[in-house]
Amino acid sequence: MPSPYPETLAEKYSFSGAMGALYTCYSFRYQAMSYYRYGQSTDCSARWDHFKFCLSIRTKPDDIVETMVAERETRLAREQAAKPSSLDVWELRDKPPANFPPDVAEWATGHRE
C-alpha cells in the first residue's frame, strides 16, 4: 500500500497515484463515509485537477515539468495559507479565568457552590 505522504515529487505527481486518489474519492465507500460524517458528499475537484495536471506533465521535457511543478506548488501553498484555519475560532487569553484553578477538595468531592 502506498504511503499517504509521498516522499518525492515523482511520487506525488505520478499518474497512477493521482488516478488512485481520484478513484478513491469517487468510490461509494468514501462518499458514504463523507455523507455520514459531514452530511454532504466529498468534493473531488482538487483530486480531479491534480489528475489532469499529472496527465499534462507526462509528455513534457524535465525542465518544463520542474517549472510547472514549482509554480503549482507555490500556488497551492498560497491558496492553503489563504484558507481559514480551525484555530481562527479561538481567542487568545491574557490571563486565566477567574475560577481557575478550581479548589481540588471541592472538585474531588463534587461539591460546588
N, C-alpha and C. Protein backbone atom coordinates (compact mmCIF):
# COMPACT_ATOMS: atom_id res chain seq x y z
N MET A 1 0.84 -1.18 0.00
CA MET A 1 0.00 0.00 0.00
C MET A 1 0.89 1.24 0.00
N PRO A 2 0.63 2.18 -0.89
CA PRO A 2 1.48 3.36 -0.96
C PRO A 2 1.29 4.26 0.27
N SER A 3 2.33 4.98 0.59
CA SER A 3 2.29 5.87 1.74
C SER A 3 1.38 7.06 1.44
N PRO A 4 0.61 7.53 2.42
CA PRO A 4 -0.22 8.71 2.17
C PRO A 4 0.60 9.99 2.10
N TYR A 5 1.87 9.92 2.48
CA TYR A 5 2.75 11.08 2.44
C TYR A 5 3.88 10.82 1.45
N PRO A 6 3.74 11.27 0.20
CA PRO A 6 4.78 11.00 -0.80
C PRO A 6 6.11 11.62 -0.39
N GLU A 7 7.16 10.91 -0.70
CA GLU A 7 8.49 11.38 -0.30
C GLU A 7 9.15 12.22 -1.39
N THR A 8 8.84 11.95 -2.64
CA THR A 8 9.46 12.69 -3.72
C THR A 8 8.40 13.31 -4.61
N LEU A 9 8.82 14.28 -5.42
CA LEU A 9 7.88 14.89 -6.35
C LEU A 9 7.44 13.90 -7.41
N ALA A 10 8.33 12.97 -7.77
CA ALA A 10 7.96 11.96 -8.77
C ALA A 10 6.81 11.09 -8.25
N GLU A 11 6.82 10.78 -6.96
CA GLU A 11 5.72 10.00 -6.38
C GLU A 11 4.47 10.86 -6.24
N LYS A 12 4.64 12.11 -5.85
CA LYS A 12 3.49 12.99 -5.65
C LYS A 12 2.77 13.28 -6.96
N TYR A 13 3.53 13.38 -8.04
CA TYR A 13 2.94 13.70 -9.34
C TYR A 13 2.92 12.50 -10.28
N SER A 14 2.84 11.32 -9.72
CA SER A 14 2.75 10.13 -10.57
C SER A 14 1.32 9.98 -11.07
N PHE A 15 1.20 9.51 -12.29
CA PHE A 15 -0.10 9.31 -12.91
C PHE A 15 -0.92 8.29 -12.14
N SER A 16 -0.28 7.18 -11.78
CA SER A 16 -1.01 6.11 -11.09
C SER A 16 -1.48 6.55 -9.69
N GLY A 17 -0.67 7.33 -9.00
CA GLY A 17 -1.07 7.82 -7.69
C GLY A 17 -2.25 8.78 -7.77
N ALA A 18 -2.21 9.66 -8.77
CA ALA A 18 -3.30 10.62 -8.96
C ALA A 18 -4.58 9.90 -9.37
N MET A 19 -4.44 8.89 -10.21
CA MET A 19 -5.61 8.13 -10.64
C MET A 19 -6.20 7.35 -9.46
N GLY A 20 -5.35 6.77 -8.62
CA GLY A 20 -5.82 6.05 -7.44
C GLY A 20 -6.54 6.96 -6.47
N ALA A 21 -6.00 8.17 -6.26
CA ALA A 21 -6.64 9.12 -5.34
C ALA A 21 -8.00 9.57 -5.89
N LEU A 22 -8.08 9.77 -7.19
CA LEU A 22 -9.33 10.16 -7.82
C LEU A 22 -10.37 9.04 -7.72
N TYR A 23 -9.94 7.83 -7.99
CA TYR A 23 -10.83 6.68 -7.91
C TYR A 23 -11.35 6.50 -6.48
N THR A 24 -10.46 6.64 -5.51
CA THR A 24 -10.84 6.51 -4.11
C THR A 24 -11.85 7.58 -3.72
N CYS A 25 -11.63 8.80 -4.18
CA CYS A 25 -12.53 9.89 -3.83
C CYS A 25 -13.94 9.64 -4.35
N TYR A 26 -14.05 9.09 -5.55
CA TYR A 26 -15.37 8.84 -6.13
C TYR A 26 -15.96 7.49 -5.74
N SER A 27 -15.25 6.72 -4.92
CA SER A 27 -15.77 5.41 -4.54
C SER A 27 -16.98 5.55 -3.62
N PHE A 28 -17.83 4.55 -3.67
CA PHE A 28 -19.06 4.58 -2.87
C PHE A 28 -18.74 4.66 -1.38
N ARG A 29 -17.76 3.88 -0.94
CA ARG A 29 -17.42 3.85 0.48
C ARG A 29 -16.97 5.22 0.97
N TYR A 30 -16.11 5.87 0.22
CA TYR A 30 -15.58 7.18 0.60
C TYR A 30 -16.69 8.23 0.62
N GLN A 31 -17.54 8.21 -0.39
CA GLN A 31 -18.64 9.17 -0.45
C GLN A 31 -19.65 8.93 0.67
N ALA A 32 -19.96 7.65 0.95
CA ALA A 32 -20.90 7.33 2.02
C ALA A 32 -20.35 7.75 3.38
N MET A 33 -19.07 7.53 3.60
CA MET A 33 -18.44 7.92 4.86
C MET A 33 -18.49 9.45 5.02
N SER A 34 -18.22 10.17 3.95
CA SER A 34 -18.27 11.63 3.99
C SER A 34 -19.69 12.12 4.25
N TYR A 35 -20.64 11.49 3.62
CA TYR A 35 -22.03 11.88 3.82
C TYR A 35 -22.46 11.62 5.27
N TYR A 36 -22.01 10.51 5.83
CA TYR A 36 -22.33 10.18 7.22
C TYR A 36 -21.69 11.18 8.19
N ARG A 37 -20.44 11.51 7.95
CA ARG A 37 -19.71 12.39 8.86
C ARG A 37 -20.12 13.85 8.74
N TYR A 38 -20.23 14.34 7.50
CA TYR A 38 -20.40 15.77 7.27
C TYR A 38 -21.75 16.16 6.69
N GLY A 39 -22.58 15.16 6.30
CA GLY A 39 -23.88 15.47 5.76
C GLY A 39 -23.87 15.86 4.30
N GLN A 40 -22.75 15.69 3.63
CA GLN A 40 -22.67 16.00 2.20
C GLN A 40 -21.58 15.15 1.57
N SER A 41 -21.67 14.98 0.28
CA SER A 41 -20.67 14.18 -0.41
C SER A 41 -19.38 14.98 -0.55
N THR A 42 -18.29 14.28 -0.74
CA THR A 42 -16.99 14.91 -0.85
C THR A 42 -16.83 15.60 -2.20
N ASP A 43 -16.21 16.76 -2.18
CA ASP A 43 -15.89 17.47 -3.42
C ASP A 43 -14.53 16.95 -3.91
N CYS A 44 -14.54 16.27 -5.03
CA CYS A 44 -13.32 15.67 -5.57
C CYS A 44 -12.64 16.54 -6.62
N SER A 45 -13.01 17.80 -6.71
CA SER A 45 -12.47 18.66 -7.76
C SER A 45 -10.96 18.87 -7.63
N ALA A 46 -10.44 18.94 -6.40
CA ALA A 46 -9.00 19.12 -6.22
C ALA A 46 -8.24 17.89 -6.72
N ARG A 47 -8.77 16.71 -6.47
CA ARG A 47 -8.12 15.48 -6.96
C ARG A 47 -8.23 15.38 -8.47
N TRP A 48 -9.37 15.84 -9.01
CA TRP A 48 -9.54 15.84 -10.46
C TRP A 48 -8.54 16.80 -11.11
N ASP A 49 -8.35 17.99 -10.53
CA ASP A 49 -7.37 18.95 -11.05
C ASP A 49 -5.96 18.38 -10.97
N HIS A 50 -5.65 17.69 -9.88
CA HIS A 50 -4.33 17.07 -9.72
C HIS A 50 -4.12 15.98 -10.79
N PHE A 51 -5.14 15.20 -11.02
CA PHE A 51 -5.06 14.15 -12.05
C PHE A 51 -4.82 14.77 -13.43
N LYS A 52 -5.54 15.82 -13.77
CA LYS A 52 -5.36 16.48 -15.07
C LYS A 52 -3.96 17.08 -15.18
N PHE A 53 -3.46 17.64 -14.07
CA PHE A 53 -2.11 18.19 -14.09
C PHE A 53 -1.08 17.09 -14.31
N CYS A 54 -1.26 15.96 -13.64
CA CYS A 54 -0.32 14.84 -13.84
C CYS A 54 -0.36 14.34 -15.28
N LEU A 55 -1.52 14.35 -15.89
CA LEU A 55 -1.62 13.98 -17.30
C LEU A 55 -0.90 14.98 -18.19
N SER A 56 -1.02 16.25 -17.85
CA SER A 56 -0.43 17.29 -18.70
C SER A 56 1.10 17.30 -18.66
N ILE A 57 1.71 16.84 -17.58
CA ILE A 57 3.17 16.90 -17.49
C ILE A 57 3.85 15.62 -17.98
N ARG A 58 3.08 14.63 -18.33
CA ARG A 58 3.67 13.35 -18.75
C ARG A 58 4.52 13.46 -20.01
N THR A 59 4.14 14.28 -20.94
CA THR A 59 4.84 14.35 -22.23
C THR A 59 5.77 15.54 -22.34
N LYS A 60 5.94 16.29 -21.28
CA LYS A 60 6.78 17.50 -21.33
C LYS A 60 8.21 17.16 -20.93
N PRO A 61 9.17 17.96 -21.42
CA PRO A 61 10.57 17.78 -21.00
C PRO A 61 10.76 18.09 -19.51
N ASP A 62 11.80 17.53 -18.93
CA ASP A 62 12.03 17.65 -17.48
C ASP A 62 12.16 19.09 -16.99
N ASP A 63 12.82 19.94 -17.76
CA ASP A 63 13.00 21.32 -17.30
C ASP A 63 11.66 22.07 -17.25
N ILE A 64 10.79 21.81 -18.19
CA ILE A 64 9.47 22.44 -18.18
C ILE A 64 8.62 21.86 -17.06
N VAL A 65 8.74 20.55 -16.82
CA VAL A 65 7.99 19.91 -15.74
C VAL A 65 8.40 20.51 -14.40
N GLU A 66 9.68 20.71 -14.18
CA GLU A 66 10.15 21.28 -12.92
C GLU A 66 9.58 22.68 -12.70
N THR A 67 9.53 23.48 -13.76
CA THR A 67 8.97 24.83 -13.67
C THR A 67 7.48 24.77 -13.37
N MET A 68 6.75 23.90 -14.08
CA MET A 68 5.31 23.77 -13.87
C MET A 68 5.00 23.30 -12.45
N VAL A 69 5.76 22.33 -11.96
CA VAL A 69 5.53 21.80 -10.61
C VAL A 69 5.83 22.87 -9.57
N ALA A 70 6.92 23.62 -9.75
CA ALA A 70 7.26 24.68 -8.79
C ALA A 70 6.17 25.75 -8.75
N GLU A 71 5.66 26.13 -9.92
CA GLU A 71 4.58 27.12 -9.96
C GLU A 71 3.32 26.59 -9.28
N ARG A 72 3.02 25.32 -9.53
CA ARG A 72 1.82 24.72 -8.92
C ARG A 72 1.97 24.61 -7.41
N GLU A 73 3.14 24.19 -6.94
CA GLU A 73 3.37 24.08 -5.51
C GLU A 73 3.25 25.44 -4.83
N THR A 74 3.78 26.48 -5.47
CA THR A 74 3.69 27.83 -4.91
C THR A 74 2.23 28.29 -4.85
N ARG A 75 1.48 28.05 -5.93
CA ARG A 75 0.08 28.46 -5.98
C ARG A 75 -0.74 27.71 -4.92
N LEU A 76 -0.51 26.41 -4.80
CA LEU A 76 -1.26 25.63 -3.82
C LEU A 76 -0.93 26.05 -2.39
N ALA A 77 0.34 26.36 -2.13
CA ALA A 77 0.73 26.82 -0.79
C ALA A 77 0.09 28.17 -0.48
N ARG A 78 0.03 29.05 -1.48
CA ARG A 78 -0.61 30.35 -1.29
C ARG A 78 -2.11 30.19 -1.02
N GLU A 79 -2.77 29.30 -1.77
CA GLU A 79 -4.19 29.06 -1.57
C GLU A 79 -4.46 28.44 -0.20
N GLN A 80 -3.60 27.54 0.24
CA GLN A 80 -3.77 26.90 1.54
C GLN A 80 -3.60 27.92 2.67
N ALA A 81 -2.65 28.84 2.50
CA ALA A 81 -2.42 29.85 3.53
C ALA A 81 -3.59 30.83 3.61
N ALA A 82 -4.30 31.03 2.50
CA ALA A 82 -5.42 31.98 2.48
C ALA A 82 -6.69 31.37 3.06
N LYS A 83 -6.75 30.05 3.17
CA LYS A 83 -7.95 29.41 3.71
C LYS A 83 -8.05 29.67 5.21
N PRO A 84 -9.29 29.70 5.73
CA PRO A 84 -9.42 29.88 7.18
C PRO A 84 -8.91 28.65 7.93
N SER A 85 -8.41 28.89 9.11
CA SER A 85 -7.86 27.83 9.94
C SER A 85 -8.84 27.48 11.05
N SER A 86 -8.75 26.27 11.54
CA SER A 86 -9.59 25.88 12.67
C SER A 86 -9.18 26.63 13.93
N LEU A 87 -8.00 27.20 13.93
CA LEU A 87 -7.54 27.97 15.08
C LEU A 87 -8.15 29.37 15.12
N ASP A 88 -8.81 29.79 14.03
CA ASP A 88 -9.39 31.12 13.97
C ASP A 88 -10.57 31.30 14.92
N VAL A 89 -11.15 30.23 15.43
CA VAL A 89 -12.31 30.35 16.31
C VAL A 89 -11.91 30.61 17.76
N TRP A 90 -10.65 30.46 18.08
CA TRP A 90 -10.20 30.64 19.46
C TRP A 90 -9.70 32.06 19.67
N GLU A 91 -9.93 32.55 20.88
CA GLU A 91 -9.39 33.85 21.25
C GLU A 91 -8.25 33.65 22.24
N LEU A 92 -7.19 34.38 22.05
CA LEU A 92 -6.03 34.29 22.93
C LEU A 92 -6.33 35.02 24.23
N ARG A 93 -6.10 34.36 25.36
CA ARG A 93 -6.35 34.97 26.67
C ARG A 93 -5.08 35.61 27.21
N ASP A 94 -5.27 36.72 27.90
CA ASP A 94 -4.14 37.38 28.56
C ASP A 94 -3.92 36.82 29.96
N LYS A 95 -5.02 36.37 30.60
CA LYS A 95 -4.93 35.82 31.95
C LYS A 95 -5.92 34.67 32.06
N PRO A 96 -5.74 33.77 33.01
CA PRO A 96 -6.66 32.63 33.16
C PRO A 96 -8.03 33.10 33.67
N PRO A 97 -9.05 32.26 33.53
CA PRO A 97 -10.38 32.61 34.05
C PRO A 97 -10.35 32.83 35.56
N ALA A 98 -11.36 33.51 36.06
CA ALA A 98 -11.40 33.87 37.49
C ALA A 98 -11.44 32.65 38.40
N ASN A 99 -12.12 31.60 38.02
CA ASN A 99 -12.25 30.42 38.90
C ASN A 99 -11.23 29.33 38.57
N PHE A 100 -10.10 29.71 38.03
CA PHE A 100 -9.10 28.71 37.65
C PHE A 100 -7.84 28.91 38.46
N PRO A 101 -7.25 27.91 39.00
CA PRO A 101 -7.67 26.51 39.05
C PRO A 101 -8.72 26.32 40.13
N PRO A 102 -9.63 25.37 39.95
CA PRO A 102 -10.66 25.14 40.97
C PRO A 102 -10.04 24.52 42.22
N ASP A 103 -10.72 24.67 43.33
CA ASP A 103 -10.27 24.08 44.58
C ASP A 103 -10.30 22.56 44.45
N VAL A 104 -9.19 21.90 44.69
CA VAL A 104 -9.07 20.47 44.47
C VAL A 104 -10.02 19.68 45.37
N ALA A 105 -10.18 20.08 46.61
CA ALA A 105 -11.06 19.35 47.54
C ALA A 105 -12.51 19.43 47.06
N GLU A 106 -12.95 20.59 46.65
CA GLU A 106 -14.31 20.74 46.15
C GLU A 106 -14.48 19.98 44.84
N TRP A 107 -13.51 20.04 44.01
CA TRP A 107 -13.59 19.36 42.72
C TRP A 107 -13.65 17.85 42.89
N ALA A 108 -12.84 17.31 43.80
CA ALA A 108 -12.78 15.87 44.02
C ALA A 108 -14.07 15.33 44.63
N THR A 109 -14.68 16.07 45.51
CA THR A 109 -15.90 15.61 46.15
C THR A 109 -17.15 15.95 45.37
N GLY A 110 -17.04 16.82 44.41
CA GLY A 110 -18.18 17.19 43.59
C GLY A 110 -19.05 18.25 44.22
N HIS A 111 -18.61 18.86 45.33
CA HIS A 111 -19.38 19.93 45.98
C HIS A 111 -19.01 21.26 45.35
N ARG A 112 -19.95 21.79 44.65
CA ARG A 112 -19.70 23.08 44.00
C ARG A 112 -20.75 24.06 44.48
N GLU A 113 -20.35 25.26 44.61
CA GLU A 113 -21.26 26.29 45.10
C GLU A 113 -21.87 27.06 43.96
